[in-house]
Amino acid sequence: MCLAIPGKILEAQENDGLRVGRVQFGGVVRQVSLDFVPEAAVGDYVMVHVGFAISKVDAVEAERTYQLLQEMGTLVDELNPGDDHPPK
């Protein structure tokens, strides 16, 4: 199952006409497309689904969702699709 995961935008830039950013999910940082959330800026939290930020979310909601996903045990699977082990 693929879920949207909240993450914090660390960097944002335009690359070949596409807006991309480095987004942090706990201790994991991934490159994410930011084209669907043009209003999002560095320091904002976004919900990310399969590499695309799909909406902005406030910090409290992001933390609450992140904690819920951890409790459900699905966070590692979502951040590491196809991997059986968390990143080192």
N, C-alpha and C. Protein backbone atom coordinates (compact mmCIF):
# COMPACT_ATOMS: atom_id res chain seq x y z
N MET A 1 0.84 -1.17 0.00
CA MET A 1 0.00 0.00 0.00
C MET A 1 0.89 1.23 0.00
N CYS A 2 0.54 2.23 -0.78
CA CYS A 2 1.27 3.49 -0.81
C CYS A 2 0.43 4.56 -0.14
N LEU A 3 1.03 5.23 0.81
CA LEU A 3 0.36 6.31 1.53
C LEU A 3 1.10 7.61 1.28
N ALA A 4 0.45 8.72 1.54
CA ALA A 4 1.13 10.01 1.52
C ALA A 4 1.82 10.17 2.87
N ILE A 5 3.07 10.58 2.84
CA ILE A 5 3.89 10.73 4.03
C ILE A 5 4.22 12.20 4.21
N PRO A 6 4.09 12.76 5.43
CA PRO A 6 4.46 14.15 5.64
C PRO A 6 5.97 14.31 5.73
N GLY A 7 6.46 15.38 5.13
CA GLY A 7 7.89 15.68 5.19
C GLY A 7 8.12 17.18 5.17
N LYS A 8 9.30 17.59 5.61
CA LYS A 8 9.66 19.00 5.68
C LYS A 8 10.59 19.35 4.52
N ILE A 9 10.27 20.43 3.82
CA ILE A 9 11.10 20.87 2.69
C ILE A 9 12.37 21.51 3.24
N LEU A 10 13.51 20.93 2.87
CA LEU A 10 14.81 21.46 3.29
C LEU A 10 15.40 22.41 2.25
N GLU A 11 15.19 22.10 0.97
CA GLU A 11 15.69 22.91 -0.13
C GLU A 11 14.68 22.85 -1.26
N ALA A 12 14.61 23.92 -2.05
CA ALA A 12 13.74 23.92 -3.23
C ALA A 12 14.49 24.63 -4.35
N GLN A 13 14.34 24.11 -5.57
CA GLN A 13 14.99 24.71 -6.73
C GLN A 13 14.26 24.33 -7.99
N GLU A 14 14.56 25.02 -9.07
CA GLU A 14 13.99 24.67 -10.37
C GLU A 14 15.07 23.93 -11.15
N ASN A 15 14.67 22.81 -11.75
CA ASN A 15 15.60 21.97 -12.49
C ASN A 15 14.96 21.61 -13.82
N ASP A 16 15.48 22.17 -14.92
CA ASP A 16 14.92 21.93 -16.26
C ASP A 16 13.43 22.24 -16.33
N GLY A 17 13.02 23.34 -15.72
CA GLY A 17 11.63 23.76 -15.77
C GLY A 17 10.72 23.08 -14.76
N LEU A 18 11.26 22.18 -13.97
CA LEU A 18 10.48 21.49 -12.94
C LEU A 18 10.93 21.93 -11.56
N ARG A 19 9.99 22.12 -10.66
CA ARG A 19 10.31 22.51 -9.28
C ARG A 19 10.52 21.25 -8.45
N VAL A 20 11.71 21.12 -7.88
CA VAL A 20 12.04 19.96 -7.06
C VAL A 20 12.61 20.43 -5.73
N GLY A 21 12.60 19.52 -4.76
CA GLY A 21 13.15 19.87 -3.46
C GLY A 21 13.66 18.65 -2.73
N ARG A 22 14.48 18.92 -1.74
CA ARG A 22 14.92 17.87 -0.82
C ARG A 22 13.97 17.93 0.37
N VAL A 23 13.33 16.79 0.66
CA VAL A 23 12.32 16.73 1.72
C VAL A 23 12.76 15.70 2.74
N GLN A 24 12.66 16.08 4.01
CA GLN A 24 13.09 15.21 5.12
C GLN A 24 11.88 14.53 5.75
N PHE A 25 12.00 13.21 5.89
CA PHE A 25 10.99 12.38 6.55
C PHE A 25 11.69 11.72 7.74
N GLY A 26 11.63 12.33 8.91
CA GLY A 26 12.39 11.81 10.03
C GLY A 26 13.86 11.93 9.70
N GLY A 27 14.59 10.81 9.67
CA GLY A 27 16.01 10.80 9.35
C GLY A 27 16.31 10.54 7.89
N VAL A 28 15.29 10.43 7.05
CA VAL A 28 15.46 10.10 5.63
C VAL A 28 15.19 11.35 4.80
N VAL A 29 16.06 11.63 3.82
CA VAL A 29 15.87 12.76 2.92
C VAL A 29 15.74 12.22 1.50
N ARG A 30 14.71 12.69 0.79
CA ARG A 30 14.46 12.26 -0.58
C ARG A 30 14.22 13.48 -1.46
N GLN A 31 14.53 13.32 -2.76
CA GLN A 31 14.18 14.36 -3.73
C GLN A 31 12.72 14.16 -4.12
N VAL A 32 11.98 15.28 -4.17
CA VAL A 32 10.54 15.24 -4.39
C VAL A 32 10.16 16.32 -5.40
N SER A 33 9.19 16.02 -6.25
CA SER A 33 8.64 17.02 -7.15
C SER A 33 7.73 17.95 -6.35
N LEU A 34 7.91 19.26 -6.54
CA LEU A 34 7.10 20.25 -5.84
C LEU A 34 6.13 20.98 -6.78
N ASP A 35 6.00 20.52 -8.01
CA ASP A 35 5.17 21.20 -9.00
C ASP A 35 3.70 21.31 -8.60
N PHE A 36 3.17 20.35 -7.86
CA PHE A 36 1.75 20.38 -7.49
C PHE A 36 1.46 21.29 -6.31
N VAL A 37 2.51 21.80 -5.66
CA VAL A 37 2.34 22.70 -4.51
C VAL A 37 3.22 23.95 -4.70
N PRO A 38 2.87 24.78 -5.68
CA PRO A 38 3.71 25.95 -5.98
C PRO A 38 3.84 26.92 -4.80
N GLU A 39 2.89 26.89 -3.87
CA GLU A 39 2.92 27.79 -2.71
C GLU A 39 3.86 27.29 -1.61
N ALA A 40 4.32 26.07 -1.69
CA ALA A 40 5.18 25.49 -0.64
C ALA A 40 6.60 26.05 -0.75
N ALA A 41 7.19 26.33 0.41
CA ALA A 41 8.53 26.91 0.47
C ALA A 41 9.39 26.14 1.47
N VAL A 42 10.67 26.44 1.47
CA VAL A 42 11.59 25.83 2.42
C VAL A 42 11.05 26.05 3.83
N GLY A 43 11.03 24.97 4.62
CA GLY A 43 10.52 25.01 5.98
C GLY A 43 9.08 24.56 6.11
N ASP A 44 8.35 24.54 4.99
CA ASP A 44 6.97 24.06 5.00
C ASP A 44 6.94 22.53 5.03
N TYR A 45 5.80 22.01 5.49
CA TYR A 45 5.56 20.57 5.48
C TYR A 45 4.60 20.25 4.34
N VAL A 46 4.88 19.15 3.66
CA VAL A 46 4.05 18.70 2.54
C VAL A 46 3.75 17.21 2.70
N MET A 47 2.63 16.80 2.12
CA MET A 47 2.30 15.38 2.05
C MET A 47 2.85 14.88 0.73
N VAL A 48 3.63 13.79 0.77
CA VAL A 48 4.30 13.27 -0.42
C VAL A 48 3.78 11.87 -0.73
N HIS A 49 3.42 11.69 -2.00
CA HIS A 49 2.93 10.40 -2.48
C HIS A 49 3.71 10.04 -3.73
N VAL A 50 4.36 8.91 -3.74
CA VAL A 50 5.19 8.39 -4.83
C VAL A 50 6.08 9.46 -5.46
N GLY A 51 6.76 10.24 -4.62
CA GLY A 51 7.73 11.21 -5.10
C GLY A 51 7.18 12.57 -5.47
N PHE A 52 5.89 12.79 -5.27
CA PHE A 52 5.26 14.07 -5.59
C PHE A 52 4.63 14.67 -4.34
N ALA A 53 4.98 15.92 -4.03
CA ALA A 53 4.29 16.63 -2.97
C ALA A 53 2.89 16.96 -3.49
N ILE A 54 1.85 16.55 -2.77
CA ILE A 54 0.49 16.73 -3.27
C ILE A 54 -0.31 17.77 -2.50
N SER A 55 0.17 18.16 -1.33
CA SER A 55 -0.50 19.23 -0.58
C SER A 55 0.41 19.72 0.54
N LYS A 56 0.15 20.96 0.96
CA LYS A 56 0.82 21.49 2.15
C LYS A 56 0.05 21.03 3.37
N VAL A 57 0.75 20.91 4.49
CA VAL A 57 0.11 20.55 5.75
C VAL A 57 0.84 21.30 6.85
N ASP A 58 0.12 21.66 7.91
CA ASP A 58 0.80 22.37 8.99
C ASP A 58 1.67 21.41 9.79
N ALA A 59 2.60 21.96 10.54
CA ALA A 59 3.60 21.16 11.27
C ALA A 59 2.95 20.22 12.28
N VAL A 60 1.91 20.67 12.96
CA VAL A 60 1.25 19.83 13.97
C VAL A 60 0.61 18.61 13.31
N GLU A 61 -0.10 18.85 12.20
CA GLU A 61 -0.74 17.74 11.48
C GLU A 61 0.31 16.79 10.91
N ALA A 62 1.41 17.34 10.40
CA ALA A 62 2.49 16.50 9.86
C ALA A 62 3.05 15.58 10.94
N GLU A 63 3.31 16.12 12.10
CA GLU A 63 3.87 15.33 13.21
C GLU A 63 2.87 14.26 13.66
N ARG A 64 1.61 14.63 13.75
CA ARG A 64 0.58 13.68 14.17
C ARG A 64 0.46 12.52 13.18
N THR A 65 0.46 12.82 11.90
CA THR A 65 0.38 11.79 10.87
C THR A 65 1.63 10.91 10.89
N TYR A 66 2.80 11.53 11.01
CA TYR A 66 4.05 10.79 11.05
C TYR A 66 4.06 9.81 12.22
N GLN A 67 3.65 10.26 13.40
CA GLN A 67 3.61 9.40 14.59
C GLN A 67 2.63 8.24 14.39
N LEU A 68 1.48 8.52 13.80
CA LEU A 68 0.48 7.49 13.56
C LEU A 68 1.03 6.42 12.62
N LEU A 69 1.71 6.84 11.55
CA LEU A 69 2.30 5.88 10.62
C LEU A 69 3.39 5.04 11.29
N GLN A 70 4.16 5.65 12.18
CA GLN A 70 5.17 4.89 12.94
C GLN A 70 4.50 3.85 13.82
N GLU A 71 3.45 4.24 14.51
CA GLU A 71 2.75 3.31 15.40
C GLU A 71 2.13 2.15 14.62
N MET A 72 1.66 2.43 13.41
CA MET A 72 1.06 1.39 12.59
C MET A 72 2.12 0.46 11.98
N GLY A 73 3.37 0.88 12.04
CA GLY A 73 4.45 0.07 11.49
C GLY A 73 4.57 0.14 9.98
N THR A 74 3.97 1.15 9.37
CA THR A 74 4.00 1.25 7.91
C THR A 74 5.01 2.27 7.41
N LEU A 75 5.59 3.04 8.29
CA LEU A 75 6.48 4.12 7.87
C LEU A 75 7.71 3.61 7.14
N VAL A 76 8.38 2.60 7.66
CA VAL A 76 9.59 2.06 7.03
C VAL A 76 9.27 1.54 5.63
N ASP A 77 8.16 0.83 5.49
CA ASP A 77 7.77 0.30 4.18
C ASP A 77 7.52 1.41 3.17
N GLU A 78 6.90 2.49 3.60
CA GLU A 78 6.58 3.60 2.70
C GLU A 78 7.83 4.37 2.29
N LEU A 79 8.78 4.53 3.20
CA LEU A 79 9.99 5.28 2.89
C LEU A 79 11.01 4.45 2.12
N ASN A 80 10.91 3.13 2.18
CA ASN A 80 11.86 2.24 1.53
C ASN A 80 11.13 1.19 0.71
N PRO A 81 10.39 1.60 -0.34
CA PRO A 81 9.66 0.60 -1.11
C PRO A 81 10.61 -0.43 -1.72
N GLY A 82 10.26 -1.70 -1.57
CA GLY A 82 11.09 -2.77 -2.11
C GLY A 82 12.22 -3.18 -1.19
N ASP A 83 12.49 -2.43 -0.14
CA ASP A 83 13.54 -2.79 0.81
C ASP A 83 12.92 -3.54 1.97
N ASP A 84 13.67 -4.50 2.51
CA ASP A 84 13.19 -5.22 3.68
C ASP A 84 13.76 -4.65 4.96
N HIS A 85 14.70 -3.70 4.84
CA HIS A 85 15.37 -3.17 6.02
C HIS A 85 15.38 -1.66 5.98
N PRO A 86 15.33 -1.00 7.15
CA PRO A 86 15.41 0.44 7.19
C PRO A 86 16.79 0.91 6.74
N PRO A 87 16.92 2.17 6.29
CA PRO A 87 18.22 2.68 5.85
C PRO A 87 19.20 2.74 7.01
N LYS A 88 20.47 2.64 6.69
CA LYS A 88 21.52 2.70 7.72
C LYS A 88 22.16 4.06 7.74
